[in-house]
Amino acid sequence: MRLIKVGQNESILEIDKAKSHEVLFSWDTPVAARIGNKFYRTQSPASKTSIAHINKYLGTAQATAITKEQSFFDSLVSII
């Protein structure tokens, strides 16, 4: 597991590189994730900056990203 700073107020928590499990943080909030070959995005980002971080992270996967409640992302990182 490692934390990768990818921009100002933007980091990725790499949970398992081999399985492609990671969580994107915008500021201090988990807002998107990749679990295997599926991408997830939060239903309600808090700011325009967070929206920009999510869109940049998802890239071409935006069309197939699954929208989830914020509690989904909070639970991903609470078990770590």
PDB file of N, CA and C in Angstrom:
ATOM      1  N   MET A   1       0.848  -1.161   0.000  1.00  0.00           N
ATOM      2  CA  MET A   1       0.000   0.000   0.000  1.00  0.00           C
ATOM      3  C   MET A   1       0.900   1.232   0.000  1.00  0.00           C
ATOM      4  N   ARG A   2       0.484   2.214  -0.814  1.00  0.00           N
ATOM      5  CA  ARG A   2       1.243   3.462  -0.802  1.00  0.00           C
ATOM      6  C   ARG A   2       0.353   4.623  -1.219  1.00  0.00           C
ATOM      7  N   LEU A   3       0.731   5.820  -0.793  1.00  0.00           N
ATOM      8  CA  LEU A   3       0.014   7.039  -1.133  1.00  0.00           C
ATOM      9  C   LEU A   3       0.812   7.773  -2.194  1.00  0.00           C
ATOM     10  N   ILE A   4       0.146   8.093  -3.317  1.00  0.00           N
ATOM     11  CA  ILE A   4       0.806   8.746  -4.434  1.00  0.00           C
ATOM     12  C   ILE A   4       0.180  10.126  -4.640  1.00  0.00           C
ATOM     13  N   LYS A   5       0.987  11.170  -4.495  1.00  0.00           N
ATOM     14  CA  LYS A   5       0.495  12.530  -4.739  1.00  0.00           C
ATOM     15  C   LYS A   5       0.529  12.761  -6.249  1.00  0.00           C
ATOM     16  N   VAL A   6      -0.645  13.045  -6.831  1.00  0.00           N
ATOM     17  CA  VAL A   6      -0.720  13.220  -8.286  1.00  0.00           C
ATOM     18  C   VAL A   6      -0.993  14.660  -8.687  1.00  0.00           C
ATOM     19  N   GLY A   7      -1.259  15.514  -7.742  1.00  0.00           N
ATOM     20  CA  GLY A   7      -1.510  16.918  -8.030  1.00  0.00           C
ATOM     21  C   GLY A   7      -1.750  17.660  -6.734  1.00  0.00           C
ATOM     22  N   GLN A   8      -1.983  18.945  -6.868  1.00  0.00           N
ATOM     23  CA  GLN A   8      -2.256  19.744  -5.684  1.00  0.00           C
ATOM     24  C   GLN A   8      -3.597  19.302  -5.098  1.00  0.00           C
ATOM     25  N   ASN A   9      -3.592  18.911  -3.837  1.00  0.00           N
ATOM     26  CA  ASN A   9      -4.797  18.449  -3.140  1.00  0.00           C
ATOM     27  C   ASN A   9      -5.430  17.232  -3.803  1.00  0.00           C
ATOM     28  N   GLU A  10      -4.613  16.376  -4.392  1.00  0.00           N
ATOM     29  CA  GLU A  10      -5.092  15.203  -5.122  1.00  0.00           C
ATOM     30  C   GLU A  10      -4.085  14.062  -4.933  1.00  0.00           C
ATOM     31  N   SER A  11      -4.584  12.927  -4.390  1.00  0.00           N
ATOM     32  CA  SER A  11      -3.719  11.781  -4.131  1.00  0.00           C
ATOM     33  C   SER A  11      -4.455  10.488  -4.456  1.00  0.00           C
ATOM     34  N   ILE A  12      -3.679   9.464  -4.742  1.00  0.00           N
ATOM     35  CA  ILE A  12      -4.236   8.133  -4.958  1.00  0.00           C
ATOM     36  C   ILE A  12      -3.655   7.216  -3.897  1.00  0.00           C
ATOM     37  N   LEU A  13      -4.543   6.512  -3.196  1.00  0.00           N
ATOM     38  CA  LEU A  13      -4.132   5.490  -2.256  1.00  0.00           C
ATOM     39  C   LEU A  13      -4.141   4.168  -3.006  1.00  0.00           C
ATOM     40  N   GLU A  14      -2.955   3.669  -3.280  1.00  0.00           N
ATOM     41  CA  GLU A  14      -2.812   2.393  -3.988  1.00  0.00           C
ATOM     42  C   GLU A  14      -2.870   1.278  -2.942  1.00  0.00           C
ATOM     43  N   ILE A  15      -3.966   0.536  -2.951  1.00  0.00           N
ATOM     44  CA  ILE A  15      -4.182  -0.497  -1.946  1.00  0.00           C
ATOM     45  C   ILE A  15      -3.520  -1.804  -2.360  1.00  0.00           C
ATOM     46  N   ASP A  16      -3.726  -2.210  -3.602  1.00  0.00           N
ATOM     47  CA  ASP A  16      -3.136  -3.450  -4.118  1.00  0.00           C
ATOM     48  C   ASP A  16      -2.835  -3.242  -5.604  1.00  0.00           C
ATOM     49  N   LYS A  17      -1.593  -2.975  -5.914  1.00  0.00           N
ATOM     50  CA  LYS A  17      -1.206  -2.671  -7.293  1.00  0.00           C
ATOM     51  C   LYS A  17      -1.495  -3.839  -8.229  1.00  0.00           C
ATOM     52  N   ALA A  18      -1.216  -5.061  -7.810  1.00  0.00           N
ATOM     53  CA  ALA A  18      -1.409  -6.228  -8.665  1.00  0.00           C
ATOM     54  C   ALA A  18      -2.877  -6.434  -9.040  1.00  0.00           C
ATOM     55  N   LYS A  19      -3.775  -6.086  -8.150  1.00  0.00           N
ATOM     56  CA  LYS A  19      -5.209  -6.258  -8.413  1.00  0.00           C
ATOM     57  C   LYS A  19      -5.872  -4.975  -8.916  1.00  0.00           C
ATOM     58  N   SER A  20      -5.096  -3.908  -9.066  1.00  0.00           N
ATOM     59  CA  SER A  20      -5.610  -2.600  -9.499  1.00  0.00           C
ATOM     60  C   SER A  20      -6.685  -2.072  -8.554  1.00  0.00           C
ATOM     61  N   HIS A  21      -6.394  -2.115  -7.268  1.00  0.00           N
ATOM     62  CA  HIS A  21      -7.296  -1.552  -6.265  1.00  0.00           C
ATOM     63  C   HIS A  21      -6.692  -0.237  -5.777  1.00  0.00           C
ATOM     64  N   GLU A  22      -7.433   0.872  -6.021  1.00  0.00           N
ATOM     65  CA  GLU A  22      -6.943   2.177  -5.595  1.00  0.00           C
ATOM     66  C   GLU A  22      -8.109   3.120  -5.359  1.00  0.00           C
ATOM     67  N   VAL A  23      -7.847   4.163  -4.564  1.00  0.00           N
ATOM     68  CA  VAL A  23      -8.867   5.148  -4.235  1.00  0.00           C
ATOM     69  C   VAL A  23      -8.294   6.534  -4.479  1.00  0.00           C
ATOM     70  N   LEU A  24      -9.051   7.367  -5.180  1.00  0.00           N
ATOM     71  CA  LEU A  24      -8.651   8.758  -5.422  1.00  0.00           C
ATOM     72  C   LEU A  24      -9.185   9.636  -4.302  1.00  0.00           C
ATOM     73  N   PHE A  25      -8.304  10.462  -3.759  1.00  0.00           N
ATOM     74  CA  PHE A  25      -8.693  11.449  -2.758  1.00  0.00           C
ATOM     75  C   PHE A  25      -8.595  12.837  -3.382  1.00  0.00           C
ATOM     76  N   SER A  26      -9.629  13.625  -3.200  1.00  0.00           N
ATOM     77  CA  SER A  26      -9.597  15.041  -3.542  1.00  0.00           C
ATOM     78  C   SER A  26      -9.653  15.774  -2.212  1.00  0.00           C
ATOM     79  N   TRP A  27      -8.643  16.574  -1.948  1.00  0.00           N
ATOM     80  CA  TRP A  27      -8.442  17.153  -0.634  1.00  0.00           C
ATOM     81  C   TRP A  27      -8.281  15.981   0.328  1.00  0.00           C
ATOM     82  N   ASP A  28      -9.124  15.834   1.324  1.00  0.00           N
ATOM     83  CA  ASP A  28      -9.024  14.729   2.284  1.00  0.00           C
ATOM     84  C   ASP A  28     -10.159  13.728   2.135  1.00  0.00           C
ATOM     85  N   THR A  29     -10.858  13.768   1.017  1.00  0.00           N
ATOM     86  CA  THR A  29     -12.062  12.963   0.833  1.00  0.00           C
ATOM     87  C   THR A  29     -11.893  11.943  -0.286  1.00  0.00           C
ATOM     88  N   PRO A  30     -12.215  10.675  -0.031  1.00  0.00           N
ATOM     89  CA  PRO A  30     -12.190   9.688  -1.111  1.00  0.00           C
ATOM     90  C   PRO A  30     -13.377   9.936  -2.051  1.00  0.00           C
ATOM     91  N   VAL A  31     -13.106  10.111  -3.343  1.00  0.00           N
ATOM     92  CA  VAL A  31     -14.173  10.513  -4.274  1.00  0.00           C
ATOM     93  C   VAL A  31     -14.312   9.604  -5.493  1.00  0.00           C
ATOM     94  N   ALA A  32     -13.336   8.740  -5.735  1.00  0.00           N
ATOM     95  CA  ALA A  32     -13.395   7.822  -6.880  1.00  0.00           C
ATOM     96  C   ALA A  32     -12.509   6.628  -6.565  1.00  0.00           C
ATOM     97  N   ALA A  33     -12.729   5.546  -7.305  1.00  0.00           N
ATOM     98  CA  ALA A  33     -11.942   4.347  -7.050  1.00  0.00           C
ATOM     99  C   ALA A  33     -11.887   3.462  -8.283  1.00  0.00           C
ATOM    100  N   ARG A  34     -10.869   2.628  -8.293  1.00  0.00           N
ATOM    101  CA  ARG A  34     -10.753   1.561  -9.282  1.00  0.00           C
ATOM    102  C   ARG A  34     -10.588   0.266  -8.511  1.00  0.00           C
ATOM    103  N   ILE A  35     -11.474  -0.669  -8.777  1.00  0.00           N
ATOM    104  CA  ILE A  35     -11.391  -1.985  -8.155  1.00  0.00           C
ATOM    105  C   ILE A  35     -11.384  -2.987  -9.300  1.00  0.00           C
ATOM    106  N   GLY A  36     -10.216  -3.527  -9.561  1.00  0.00           N
ATOM    107  CA  GLY A  36     -10.056  -4.407 -10.723  1.00  0.00           C
ATOM    108  C   GLY A  36     -10.231  -3.600 -12.001  1.00  0.00           C
ATOM    109  N   ASN A  37     -11.175  -4.004 -12.832  1.00  0.00           N
ATOM    110  CA  ASN A  37     -11.387  -3.268 -14.086  1.00  0.00           C
ATOM    111  C   ASN A  37     -12.633  -2.383 -14.039  1.00  0.00           C
ATOM    112  N   LYS A  38     -13.169  -2.146 -12.831  1.00  0.00           N
ATOM    113  CA  LYS A  38     -14.337  -1.277 -12.683  1.00  0.00           C
ATOM    114  C   LYS A  38     -13.953   0.029 -12.006  1.00  0.00           C
ATOM    115  N   PHE A  39     -14.533   1.115 -12.500  1.00  0.00           N
ATOM    116  CA  PHE A  39     -14.301   2.433 -11.936  1.00  0.00           C
ATOM    117  C   PHE A  39     -15.568   2.926 -11.262  1.00  0.00           C
ATOM    118  N   TYR A  40     -15.373   3.686 -10.177  1.00  0.00           N
ATOM    119  CA  TYR A  40     -16.480   4.225  -9.395  1.00  0.00           C
ATOM    120  C   TYR A  40     -16.247   5.704  -9.153  1.00  0.00           C
ATOM    121  N   ARG A  41     -17.343   6.455  -9.073  1.00  0.00           N
ATOM    122  CA  ARG A  41     -17.259   7.881  -8.760  1.00  0.00           C
ATOM    123  C   ARG A  41     -18.321   8.213  -7.734  1.00  0.00           C
ATOM    124  N   THR A  42     -18.054   9.224  -6.913  1.00  0.00           N
ATOM    125  CA  THR A  42     -19.014   9.616  -5.903  1.00  0.00           C
ATOM    126  C   THR A  42     -20.212  10.309  -6.547  1.00  0.00           C
ATOM    127  N   GLN A  43     -21.340  10.162  -5.905  1.00  0.00           N
ATOM    128  CA  GLN A  43     -22.573  10.768  -6.405  1.00  0.00           C
ATOM    129  C   GLN A  43     -22.562  12.283  -6.228  1.00  0.00           C
ATOM    130  N   SER A  44     -21.920  12.743  -5.174  1.00  0.00           N
ATOM    131  CA  SER A  44     -21.991  14.172  -4.877  1.00  0.00           C
ATOM    132  C   SER A  44     -20.639  14.760  -4.486  1.00  0.00           C
ATOM    133  N   PRO A  45     -19.817  15.110  -5.475  1.00  0.00           N
ATOM    134  CA  PRO A  45     -18.547  15.750  -5.133  1.00  0.00           C
ATOM    135  C   PRO A  45     -18.801  17.110  -4.485  1.00  0.00           C
ATOM    136  N   ALA A  46     -17.911  17.485  -3.593  1.00  0.00           N
ATOM    137  CA  ALA A  46     -18.116  18.682  -2.790  1.00  0.00           C
ATOM    138  C   ALA A  46     -17.778  19.989  -3.501  1.00  0.00           C
ATOM    139  N   SER A  47     -16.926  19.942  -4.503  1.00  0.00           N
ATOM    140  CA  SER A  47     -16.485  21.197  -5.113  1.00  0.00           C
ATOM    141  C   SER A  47     -16.159  21.014  -6.591  1.00  0.00           C
ATOM    142  N   LYS A  48     -15.985  22.138  -7.266  1.00  0.00           N
ATOM    143  CA  LYS A  48     -15.577  22.098  -8.678  1.00  0.00           C
ATOM    144  C   LYS A  48     -14.204  21.460  -8.818  1.00  0.00           C
ATOM    145  N   THR A  49     -13.354  21.703  -7.842  1.00  0.00           N
ATOM    146  CA  THR A  49     -12.022  21.102  -7.874  1.00  0.00           C
ATOM    147  C   THR A  49     -12.115  19.587  -7.790  1.00  0.00           C
ATOM    148  N   SER A  50     -12.970  19.076  -6.908  1.00  0.00           N
ATOM    149  CA  SER A  50     -13.140  17.626  -6.786  1.00  0.00           C
ATOM    150  C   SER A  50     -13.689  17.026  -8.073  1.00  0.00           C
ATOM    151  N   ILE A  51     -14.621  17.712  -8.709  1.00  0.00           N
ATOM    152  CA  ILE A  51     -15.156  17.248  -9.991  1.00  0.00           C
ATOM    153  C   ILE A  51     -14.043  17.160 -11.022  1.00  0.00           C
ATOM    154  N   ALA A  52     -13.187  18.158 -11.055  1.00  0.00           N
ATOM    155  CA  ALA A  52     -12.058  18.158 -11.994  1.00  0.00           C
ATOM    156  C   ALA A  52     -11.111  16.997 -11.700  1.00  0.00           C
ATOM    157  N   HIS A  53     -10.834  16.747 -10.416  1.00  0.00           N
ATOM    158  CA  HIS A  53      -9.963  15.627 -10.040  1.00  0.00           C
ATOM    159  C   HIS A  53     -10.566  14.304 -10.489  1.00  0.00           C
ATOM    160  N   ILE A  54     -11.860  14.126 -10.262  1.00  0.00           N
ATOM    161  CA  ILE A  54     -12.541  12.887 -10.652  1.00  0.00           C
ATOM    162  C   ILE A  54     -12.482  12.696 -12.161  1.00  0.00           C
ATOM    163  N   ASN A  55     -12.815  13.733 -12.913  1.00  0.00           N
ATOM    164  CA  ASN A  55     -12.812  13.637 -14.378  1.00  0.00           C
ATOM    165  C   ASN A  55     -11.432  13.316 -14.927  1.00  0.00           C
ATOM    166  N   LYS A  56     -10.407  13.924 -14.361  1.00  0.00           N
ATOM    167  CA  LYS A  56      -9.033  13.649 -14.785  1.00  0.00           C
ATOM    168  C   LYS A  56      -8.663  12.202 -14.471  1.00  0.00           C
ATOM    169  N   TYR A  57      -9.017  11.728 -13.283  1.00  0.00           N
ATOM    170  CA  TYR A  57      -8.705  10.363 -12.855  1.00  0.00           C
ATOM    171  C   TYR A  57      -9.405   9.335 -13.738  1.00  0.00           C
ATOM    172  N   LEU A  58     -10.677   9.542 -14.000  1.00  0.00           N
ATOM    173  CA  LEU A  58     -11.443   8.570 -14.778  1.00  0.00           C
ATOM    174  C   LEU A  58     -11.066   8.564 -16.249  1.00  0.00           C
ATOM    175  N   GLY A  59     -10.709   9.715 -16.788  1.00  0.00           N
ATOM    176  CA  GLY A  59     -10.322   9.795 -18.194  1.00  0.00           C
ATOM    177  C   GLY A  59     -11.373   9.176 -19.100  1.00  0.00           C
ATOM    178  N   THR A  60     -10.973   8.224 -19.917  1.00  0.00           N
ATOM    179  CA  THR A  60     -11.903   7.600 -20.864  1.00  0.00           C
ATOM    180  C   THR A  60     -12.883   6.648 -20.184  1.00  0.00           C
ATOM    181  N   ALA A  61     -12.667   6.345 -18.918  1.00  0.00           N
ATOM    182  CA  ALA A  61     -13.572   5.444 -18.186  1.00  0.00           C
ATOM    183  C   ALA A  61     -14.798   6.177 -17.642  1.00  0.00           C
ATOM    184  N   GLN A  62     -14.898   7.495 -17.893  1.00  0.00           N
ATOM    185  CA  GLN A  62     -16.025   8.265 -17.369  1.00  0.00           C
ATOM    186  C   GLN A  62     -17.372   7.692 -17.798  1.00  0.00           C
ATOM    187  N   ALA A  63     -17.466   7.239 -19.037  1.00  0.00           N
ATOM    188  CA  ALA A  63     -18.737   6.744 -19.562  1.00  0.00           C
ATOM    189  C   ALA A  63     -19.190   5.467 -18.872  1.00  0.00           C
ATOM    190  N   THR A  64     -18.249   4.684 -18.361  1.00  0.00           N
ATOM    191  CA  THR A  64     -18.614   3.403 -17.749  1.00  0.00           C
ATOM    192  C   THR A  64     -18.490   3.412 -16.225  1.00  0.00           C
ATOM    193  N   ALA A  65     -18.078   4.535 -15.656  1.00  0.00           N
ATOM    194  CA  ALA A  65     -17.909   4.607 -14.202  1.00  0.00           C
ATOM    195  C   ALA A  65     -19.257   4.463 -13.502  1.00  0.00           C
ATOM    196  N   ILE A  66     -19.254   3.716 -12.429  1.00  0.00           N
ATOM    197  CA  ILE A  66     -20.461   3.462 -11.642  1.00  0.00           C
ATOM    198  C   ILE A  66     -20.555   4.518 -10.548  1.00  0.00           C
ATOM    199  N   THR A  67     -21.706   5.151 -10.444  1.00  0.00           N
ATOM    200  CA  THR A  67     -21.918   6.176  -9.427  1.00  0.00           C
ATOM    201  C   THR A  67     -22.376   5.527  -8.130  1.00  0.00           C
ATOM    202  N   LYS A  68     -21.717   5.912  -7.043  1.00  0.00           N
ATOM    203  CA  LYS A  68     -22.024   5.350  -5.722  1.00  0.00           C
ATOM    204  C   LYS A  68     -22.179   6.477  -4.702  1.00  0.00           C
ATOM    205  N   GLU A  69     -22.892   6.175  -3.620  1.00  0.00           N
ATOM    206  CA  GLU A  69     -23.020   7.095  -2.488  1.00  0.00           C
ATOM    207  C   GLU A  69     -21.649   7.316  -1.855  1.00  0.00           C
ATOM    208  N   GLN A  70     -21.477   8.448  -1.183  1.00  0.00           N
ATOM    209  CA  GLN A  70     -20.206   8.750  -0.527  1.00  0.00           C
ATOM    210  C   GLN A  70     -19.848   7.685   0.498  1.00  0.00           C
ATOM    211  N   SER A  71     -20.829   7.097   1.119  1.00  0.00           N
ATOM    212  CA  SER A  71     -20.564   6.076   2.145  1.00  0.00           C
ATOM    213  C   SER A  71     -19.794   4.874   1.577  1.00  0.00           C
ATOM    214  N   PHE A  72     -19.974   4.580   0.301  1.00  0.00           N
ATOM    215  CA  PHE A  72     -19.228   3.490  -0.355  1.00  0.00           C
ATOM    216  C   PHE A  72     -17.729   3.768  -0.281  1.00  0.00           C
ATOM    217  N   PHE A  73     -17.328   4.997  -0.602  1.00  0.00           N
ATOM    218  CA  PHE A  73     -15.909   5.364  -0.605  1.00  0.00           C
ATOM    219  C   PHE A  73     -15.360   5.457   0.808  1.00  0.00           C
ATOM    220  N   ASP A  74     -16.172   5.979   1.713  1.00  0.00           N
ATOM    221  CA  ASP A  74     -15.749   6.047   3.110  1.00  0.00           C
ATOM    222  C   ASP A  74     -15.493   4.647   3.660  1.00  0.00           C
ATOM    223  N   SER A  75     -16.343   3.682   3.295  1.00  0.00           N
ATOM    224  CA  SER A  75     -16.158   2.320   3.783  1.00  0.00           C
ATOM    225  C   SER A  75     -14.938   1.650   3.162  1.00  0.00           C
ATOM    226  N   LEU A  76     -14.597   2.012   1.921  1.00  0.00           N
ATOM    227  CA  LEU A  76     -13.401   1.447   1.300  1.00  0.00           C
ATOM    228  C   LEU A  76     -12.142   1.759   2.113  1.00  0.00           C
ATOM    229  N   VAL A  77     -12.058   2.956   2.607  1.00  0.00           N
ATOM    230  CA  VAL A  77     -10.847   3.357   3.328  1.00  0.00           C
ATOM    231  C   VAL A  77     -10.943   3.141   4.832  1.00  0.00           C
ATOM    232  N   SER A  78     -12.134   2.946   5.354  1.00  0.00           N
ATOM    233  CA  SER A  78     -12.262   2.759   6.808  1.00  0.00           C
ATOM    234  C   SER A  78     -11.775   1.388   7.255  1.00  0.00           C
ATOM    235  N   ILE A  79     -11.755   0.412   6.333  1.00  0.00           N
ATOM    236  CA  ILE A  79     -11.308  -0.935   6.714  1.00  0.00           C
ATOM    237  C   ILE A  79      -9.793  -1.088   6.647  1.00  0.00           C
ATOM    238  N   ILE A  80      -9.127  -0.085   6.164  1.00  0.00           N
ATOM    239  CA  ILE A  80      -7.668  -0.145   6.007  1.00  0.00           C
ATOM    240  C   ILE A  80      -6.986   0.283   7.292  1.00  0.00           C
TER     241      ILE A  80
END
